[in-house]
Amino acid sequence: MSAAHPAVRMARLIRVPGPASRAMWAGLAFIVAVLALSFLLPVLTGQGTDEFVAEPLLPPSPEHPFGTDQFGRDLLVRTMAAARVDYLIGAVVIVWCGGVGSLAGVLMATVRRAGADWVFSRIIDASIAFPLTILVITVGVILGPDFTVLGLPRGLPSVLLVYALIGWAYYARLARSQALSLRSRDFVQAARTMGYSDVRITMRHLFPQVSMVTLAYAVGDAIVAIALTSSLAFLGAGVAPPTPEWGQIMYEGRDLISTSWWIVAFPAMMLALSGISLAAIANGVIKRIEG
């Protein structure tokens, strides 16, 4: 990994040449467009996500491009609105898990107290040992189906809580290994020679370097988090209806797939395209860092 100044490495991320960069910007444009439509479509169409606007099970048409579901709700509005929930989960993975995990990993690599690194490592091992899906279901049962906080949809707080408590550990392990390899580099030794404190070296030199790497992996991991959340509906967990969520919409239409394929096809398409876009963004970030 390059030891270039973080500002230089950030400048590399916005360079345009190369297929990886073009794919990265295309993926980012898709994510931003879907997120914007998730808020704008209900306003532009005048149709709420739970509003009965037409006959049930209408096929795709100019009036309803994604058709309607079994309750007569516009599937385009619901599918786009579902991005708010699924992208929020991806954002938690990128911002919270990636950020907190990176900082914890760097601190583990720089703390020199006897036994501290061993204790932190055992905490990480214990956190990673928990099966994420089973833990989400368990927390959902403990909190109850009607639990909500901060106005979040029912079922979503338990998912976010598990990711917040467990997800950081994966990035802490990655950040720790990166920080350990950087700790003996010339620019860190020069900072120590100049009398910089451990806090300054950690926050100004090690953490920016490490966080660029964990950012790329966090963006890629957001794909897994969104897909896992979508699969929870098929296990009786996850976001509770009537809040639109891609997995929940597909679950509700599973028995009608032979006659009303659009109920499952369009949310699945958005999930797949979002995954491809996030993969392109992650790949582009990695290529820029390596370059």
Protein backbone atom coordinates (compact mmCIF):
# COMPACT_ATOMS: atom_id res chain seq x y z
CA MET A 1 0.00 0.00 0.00
CA SER A 2 1.28 3.40 -0.92
CA ALA A 3 2.38 5.74 1.85
CA ALA A 4 1.38 8.86 -0.07
CA HIS A 5 -0.19 11.70 1.85
CA PRO A 6 -3.96 11.16 2.34
CA ALA A 7 -4.73 14.27 0.29
CA VAL A 8 -2.76 12.81 -2.62
CA ARG A 9 -4.53 9.50 -2.32
CA MET A 10 -7.92 11.23 -2.20
CA ALA A 11 -7.02 13.08 -5.38
CA ARG A 12 -6.40 9.73 -7.05
CA LEU A 13 -9.98 8.70 -6.29
CA ILE A 14 -11.45 11.46 -8.46
CA ARG A 15 -9.31 10.87 -11.54
CA VAL A 16 -11.43 9.96 -14.52
CA PRO A 17 -9.30 7.85 -16.94
CA GLY A 18 -9.62 4.08 -17.17
CA PRO A 19 -12.55 1.64 -17.34
CA ALA A 20 -12.57 1.16 -13.55
CA SER A 21 -13.08 4.88 -12.99
CA ARG A 22 -15.83 5.12 -15.58
CA ALA A 23 -17.62 2.14 -14.03
CA MET A 24 -17.17 3.68 -10.59
CA TRP A 25 -18.76 6.99 -11.62
CA ALA A 26 -21.56 5.17 -13.46
CA GLY A 27 -22.28 3.10 -10.35
CA LEU A 28 -22.24 6.18 -8.16
CA ALA A 29 -24.61 7.98 -10.55
CA PHE A 30 -27.02 5.04 -10.43
CA ILE A 31 -27.03 4.94 -6.60
CA VAL A 32 -27.59 8.70 -6.37
CA ALA A 33 -30.37 8.61 -9.00
CA VAL A 34 -32.23 5.78 -7.25
CA LEU A 35 -31.92 7.47 -3.89
CA ALA A 36 -33.23 10.75 -5.33
CA LEU A 37 -36.17 8.99 -6.98
CA SER A 38 -37.02 7.24 -3.72
CA PHE A 39 -37.90 10.64 -2.27
CA LEU A 40 -39.14 12.42 -5.41
CA LEU A 41 -41.44 9.81 -6.97
CA PRO A 42 -44.16 9.93 -4.27
CA VAL A 43 -44.19 13.73 -4.61
CA LEU A 44 -44.15 13.79 -8.43
CA THR A 45 -46.81 11.08 -8.84
CA GLY A 46 -48.92 12.06 -5.86
CA GLN A 47 -49.03 8.39 -4.85
CA GLY A 48 -48.00 7.14 -1.43
CA THR A 49 -46.18 3.87 -0.90
CA ASP A 50 -49.25 2.34 0.79
CA GLU A 51 -51.92 4.05 -1.30
CA PHE A 52 -54.30 1.91 -3.38
CA VAL A 53 -54.11 3.63 -6.76
CA ALA A 54 -55.44 1.09 -9.28
CA GLU A 55 -56.76 -2.42 -9.71
CA PRO A 56 -54.63 -5.18 -8.18
CA LEU A 57 -52.09 -7.08 -10.28
CA LEU A 58 -52.06 -4.78 -13.29
CA PRO A 59 -49.11 -5.60 -15.60
CA PRO A 60 -46.52 -2.94 -16.47
CA SER A 61 -47.99 -0.10 -18.51
CA PRO A 62 -47.20 3.55 -19.32
CA GLU A 63 -49.37 4.60 -16.38
CA HIS A 64 -47.76 2.11 -14.01
CA PRO A 65 -44.33 1.17 -15.45
CA PHE A 66 -43.70 -1.53 -12.84
CA GLY A 67 -47.35 -2.60 -12.63
CA THR A 68 -49.34 -2.89 -9.40
CA ASP A 69 -49.15 -5.42 -6.60
CA GLN A 70 -51.87 -7.64 -5.15
CA PHE A 71 -53.29 -4.71 -3.18
CA GLY A 72 -53.38 -2.23 -6.08
CA ARG A 73 -50.34 -0.23 -4.94
CA ASP A 74 -48.01 1.25 -7.53
CA LEU A 75 -44.96 -1.02 -7.65
CA LEU A 76 -42.64 1.62 -9.13
CA VAL A 77 -43.23 3.96 -6.18
CA ARG A 78 -42.82 1.13 -3.67
CA THR A 79 -39.70 -0.30 -5.32
CA MET A 80 -37.96 3.06 -5.44
CA ALA A 81 -39.04 3.97 -1.91
CA ALA A 82 -37.57 0.68 -0.69
CA ALA A 83 -34.12 2.03 -1.59
CA ARG A 84 -34.31 4.33 1.45
CA VAL A 85 -34.33 1.33 3.78
CA ASP A 86 -31.82 -0.84 1.91
CA TYR A 87 -29.40 2.00 1.22
CA LEU A 88 -29.62 3.10 4.86
CA ILE A 89 -28.36 -0.33 5.87
CA GLY A 90 -25.52 -0.04 3.36
CA ALA A 91 -24.68 3.41 4.71
CA VAL A 92 -24.49 2.06 8.27
CA VAL A 93 -22.01 -0.58 7.11
CA ILE A 94 -19.86 1.98 5.27
CA VAL A 95 -19.96 4.86 7.77
CA TRP A 96 -20.41 3.23 11.17
CA CYS A 97 -18.88 -0.22 10.78
CA GLY A 98 -16.10 0.95 8.48
CA GLY A 99 -15.35 4.11 10.47
CA VAL A 100 -15.55 2.68 13.99
CA GLY A 101 -13.83 -0.54 12.97
CA SER A 102 -10.98 1.35 11.30
CA LEU A 103 -10.41 3.57 14.31
CA ALA A 104 -10.55 0.63 16.72
CA GLY A 105 -8.11 -1.38 14.61
CA VAL A 106 -5.62 1.48 14.38
CA LEU A 107 -5.81 2.07 18.13
CA MET A 108 -5.20 -1.64 18.74
CA ALA A 109 -2.06 -1.47 16.62
CA THR A 110 -0.69 1.62 18.39
CA VAL A 111 -1.53 0.88 22.03
CA ARG A 112 1.57 -0.55 23.69
CA ARG A 113 0.11 -1.62 27.04
CA ALA A 114 0.73 -5.24 27.93
CA GLY A 115 -2.29 -7.42 27.31
CA ALA A 116 -4.40 -4.69 25.69
CA ASP A 117 -3.91 -6.02 22.18
CA TRP A 118 -4.74 -9.55 23.36
CA VAL A 119 -7.99 -8.36 24.99
CA PHE A 120 -9.04 -6.38 21.90
CA SER A 121 -8.25 -9.33 19.66
CA ARG A 122 -10.42 -11.66 21.77
CA ILE A 123 -13.30 -9.14 21.63
CA ILE A 124 -13.02 -9.10 17.84
CA ASP A 125 -12.90 -12.88 17.66
CA ALA A 126 -15.97 -13.17 19.88
CA SER A 127 -17.88 -10.61 17.81
CA ILE A 128 -17.07 -12.29 14.50
CA ALA A 129 -18.03 -15.70 15.93
CA PHE A 130 -21.72 -14.74 16.15
CA PRO A 131 -23.78 -15.84 13.09
CA LEU A 132 -25.15 -12.54 11.83
CA THR A 133 -28.47 -13.87 10.49
CA ILE A 134 -29.32 -15.81 13.64
CA LEU A 135 -28.37 -12.81 15.78
CA VAL A 136 -30.68 -10.50 13.79
CA ILE A 137 -33.58 -12.91 14.25
CA THR A 138 -32.81 -13.30 17.97
CA VAL A 139 -32.62 -9.55 18.58
CA GLY A 140 -35.84 -9.07 16.57
CA VAL A 141 -37.63 -11.58 18.80
CA ILE A 142 -36.28 -9.99 21.99
CA LEU A 143 -37.24 -6.45 20.95
CA GLY A 144 -40.61 -7.55 19.61
CA PRO A 145 -42.29 -6.93 16.24
CA ASP A 146 -43.59 -3.48 17.19
CA PHE A 147 -40.34 -2.03 18.52
CA THR A 148 -39.28 1.19 16.84
CA VAL A 149 -36.98 4.09 17.63
CA LEU A 150 -36.29 7.47 16.02
CA GLY A 151 -39.23 6.93 13.70
CA LEU A 152 -37.57 3.99 11.95
CA PRO A 153 -39.84 1.31 10.41
CA ARG A 154 -40.67 -1.67 12.57
CA GLY A 155 -38.04 -4.38 12.31
CA LEU A 156 -35.31 -2.08 11.02
CA PRO A 157 -33.87 -1.06 14.45
CA SER A 158 -32.97 -4.69 15.27
CA VAL A 159 -31.13 -5.07 11.95
CA LEU A 160 -29.21 -1.82 12.40
CA LEU A 161 -28.42 -2.67 16.03
CA VAL A 162 -26.83 -5.99 15.09
CA TYR A 163 -24.75 -4.43 12.32
CA ALA A 164 -23.64 -1.66 14.68
CA LEU A 165 -22.64 -4.11 17.42
CA ILE A 166 -20.99 -6.79 15.28
CA GLY A 167 -20.10 -5.37 11.87
CA TRP A 168 -17.27 -3.14 13.08
CA ALA A 169 -15.17 -6.14 14.17
CA TYR A 170 -14.38 -7.24 10.61
CA TYR A 171 -12.96 -3.83 9.76
CA ALA A 172 -11.09 -3.58 13.06
CA ARG A 173 -9.19 -6.77 12.20
CA LEU A 174 -8.39 -5.47 8.71
CA ALA A 175 -7.39 -2.02 10.00
CA ARG A 176 -5.18 -3.53 12.70
CA SER A 177 -3.20 -5.56 10.17
CA GLN A 178 -2.82 -2.53 7.91
CA ALA A 179 -1.73 -0.29 10.80
CA LEU A 180 0.81 -2.85 12.02
CA SER A 181 2.42 -2.89 8.57
CA LEU A 182 2.50 0.91 8.46
CA ARG A 183 3.83 1.39 11.98
CA SER A 184 7.41 0.68 10.93
CA ARG A 185 7.31 2.77 7.74
CA ASP A 186 9.63 5.72 7.32
CA PHE A 187 6.96 8.42 7.50
CA VAL A 188 5.76 7.10 10.89
CA GLN A 189 9.31 6.82 12.24
CA ALA A 190 10.00 10.36 11.04
CA ALA A 191 6.92 11.60 12.91
CA ARG A 192 8.14 9.90 16.09
CA THR A 193 11.59 11.43 15.65
CA MET A 194 9.99 14.86 15.39
CA GLY A 195 8.33 14.27 18.76
CA TYR A 196 4.75 13.83 17.61
CA SER A 197 2.48 12.20 20.17
CA ASP A 198 0.93 8.78 19.60
CA VAL A 199 -2.50 10.41 19.28
CA ARG A 200 -1.29 12.74 16.51
CA ILE A 201 0.49 9.94 14.67
CA THR A 202 -2.61 7.75 14.93
CA MET A 203 -5.18 10.31 13.83
CA ARG A 204 -3.13 12.26 11.28
CA HIS A 205 -0.96 9.58 9.71
CA LEU A 206 -2.19 6.04 10.36
CA PHE A 207 -5.97 6.41 10.45
CA PRO A 208 -6.31 8.30 7.11
CA GLN A 209 -4.07 5.76 5.39
CA VAL A 210 -5.94 2.76 6.79
CA SER A 211 -9.43 4.19 6.34
CA MET A 212 -8.92 4.52 2.58
CA VAL A 213 -8.45 0.75 2.36
CA THR A 214 -11.30 -0.14 4.71
CA LEU A 215 -13.57 2.26 2.79
CA ALA A 216 -13.18 0.18 -0.35
CA TYR A 217 -13.98 -3.04 1.49
CA ALA A 218 -16.90 -1.42 3.32
CA VAL A 219 -18.51 -0.35 0.04
CA GLY A 220 -18.19 -3.90 -1.22
CA ASP A 221 -19.52 -5.30 2.05
CA ALA A 222 -22.59 -3.05 1.78
CA ILE A 223 -23.72 -5.34 -1.05
CA VAL A 224 -23.68 -8.31 1.31
CA ALA A 225 -25.52 -6.37 4.03
CA ILE A 226 -28.30 -5.27 1.64
CA ALA A 227 -28.70 -8.77 0.22
CA LEU A 228 -28.75 -10.29 3.72
CA THR A 229 -31.39 -7.82 4.87
CA SER A 230 -33.51 -8.62 1.82
CA SER A 231 -33.30 -12.34 2.60
CA LEU A 232 -34.54 -11.84 6.17
CA ALA A 233 -38.12 -11.42 4.95
CA PHE A 234 -38.09 -15.05 3.82
CA LEU A 235 -37.11 -16.05 7.39
CA GLY A 236 -39.90 -14.07 9.03
CA ALA A 237 -37.58 -11.29 10.19
CA GLY A 238 -36.26 -8.00 8.87
CA VAL A 239 -38.30 -4.92 8.03
CA ALA A 240 -41.98 -5.39 8.82
CA PRO A 241 -44.71 -4.60 6.27
CA PRO A 242 -46.19 -2.33 5.03
CA THR A 243 -42.84 -0.51 4.85
CA PRO A 244 -41.45 -1.17 1.36
CA GLU A 245 -38.19 -3.11 1.29
CA TRP A 246 -36.92 -5.08 -1.68
CA GLY A 247 -36.85 -8.43 0.10
CA GLN A 248 -40.25 -7.83 1.69
CA ILE A 249 -41.82 -6.92 -1.67
CA MET A 250 -40.39 -10.07 -3.26
CA TYR A 251 -41.59 -12.16 -0.33
CA GLU A 252 -45.12 -10.83 -0.66
CA GLY A 253 -45.17 -11.65 -4.38
CA ARG A 254 -43.54 -15.08 -4.22
CA ASP A 255 -46.83 -16.99 -4.60
CA LEU A 256 -47.84 -14.92 -7.63
CA ILE A 257 -44.61 -15.17 -9.60
CA SER A 258 -46.10 -17.47 -12.25
CA THR A 259 -48.89 -15.00 -13.14
CA SER A 260 -47.64 -11.63 -11.85
CA TRP A 261 -43.89 -11.89 -12.37
CA TRP A 262 -43.31 -8.14 -12.12
CA ILE A 263 -43.89 -8.08 -8.37
CA VAL A 264 -40.71 -10.11 -7.85
CA ALA A 265 -38.78 -9.19 -10.99
CA PHE A 266 -38.49 -5.43 -10.56
CA PRO A 267 -37.35 -5.38 -6.90
CA ALA A 268 -34.90 -8.19 -7.74
CA MET A 269 -33.63 -6.14 -10.69
CA MET A 270 -33.08 -3.09 -8.47
CA LEU A 271 -31.28 -5.23 -5.91
CA ALA A 272 -29.02 -6.72 -8.59
CA LEU A 273 -28.27 -3.35 -10.22
CA SER A 274 -27.50 -1.79 -6.84
CA GLY A 275 -25.11 -4.65 -6.09
CA ILE A 276 -23.37 -4.22 -9.44
CA SER A 277 -23.12 -0.46 -8.89
CA LEU A 278 -21.64 -0.85 -5.40
CA ALA A 279 -19.20 -3.46 -6.72
CA ALA A 280 -18.10 -1.02 -9.43
CA ILE A 281 -17.62 1.73 -6.86
CA ALA A 282 -15.59 -0.54 -4.58
CA ASN A 283 -13.45 -1.75 -7.48
CA GLY A 284 -12.86 1.80 -8.64
CA VAL A 285 -11.79 2.91 -5.17
CA ILE A 286 -9.36 -0.01 -4.90
CA LYS A 287 -7.86 0.75 -8.32
CA ARG A 288 -7.42 4.42 -7.42
CA ILE A 289 -5.71 3.52 -4.14
CA GLU A 290 -3.39 1.03 -5.83
CA GLY A 291 -2.61 3.59 -8.54
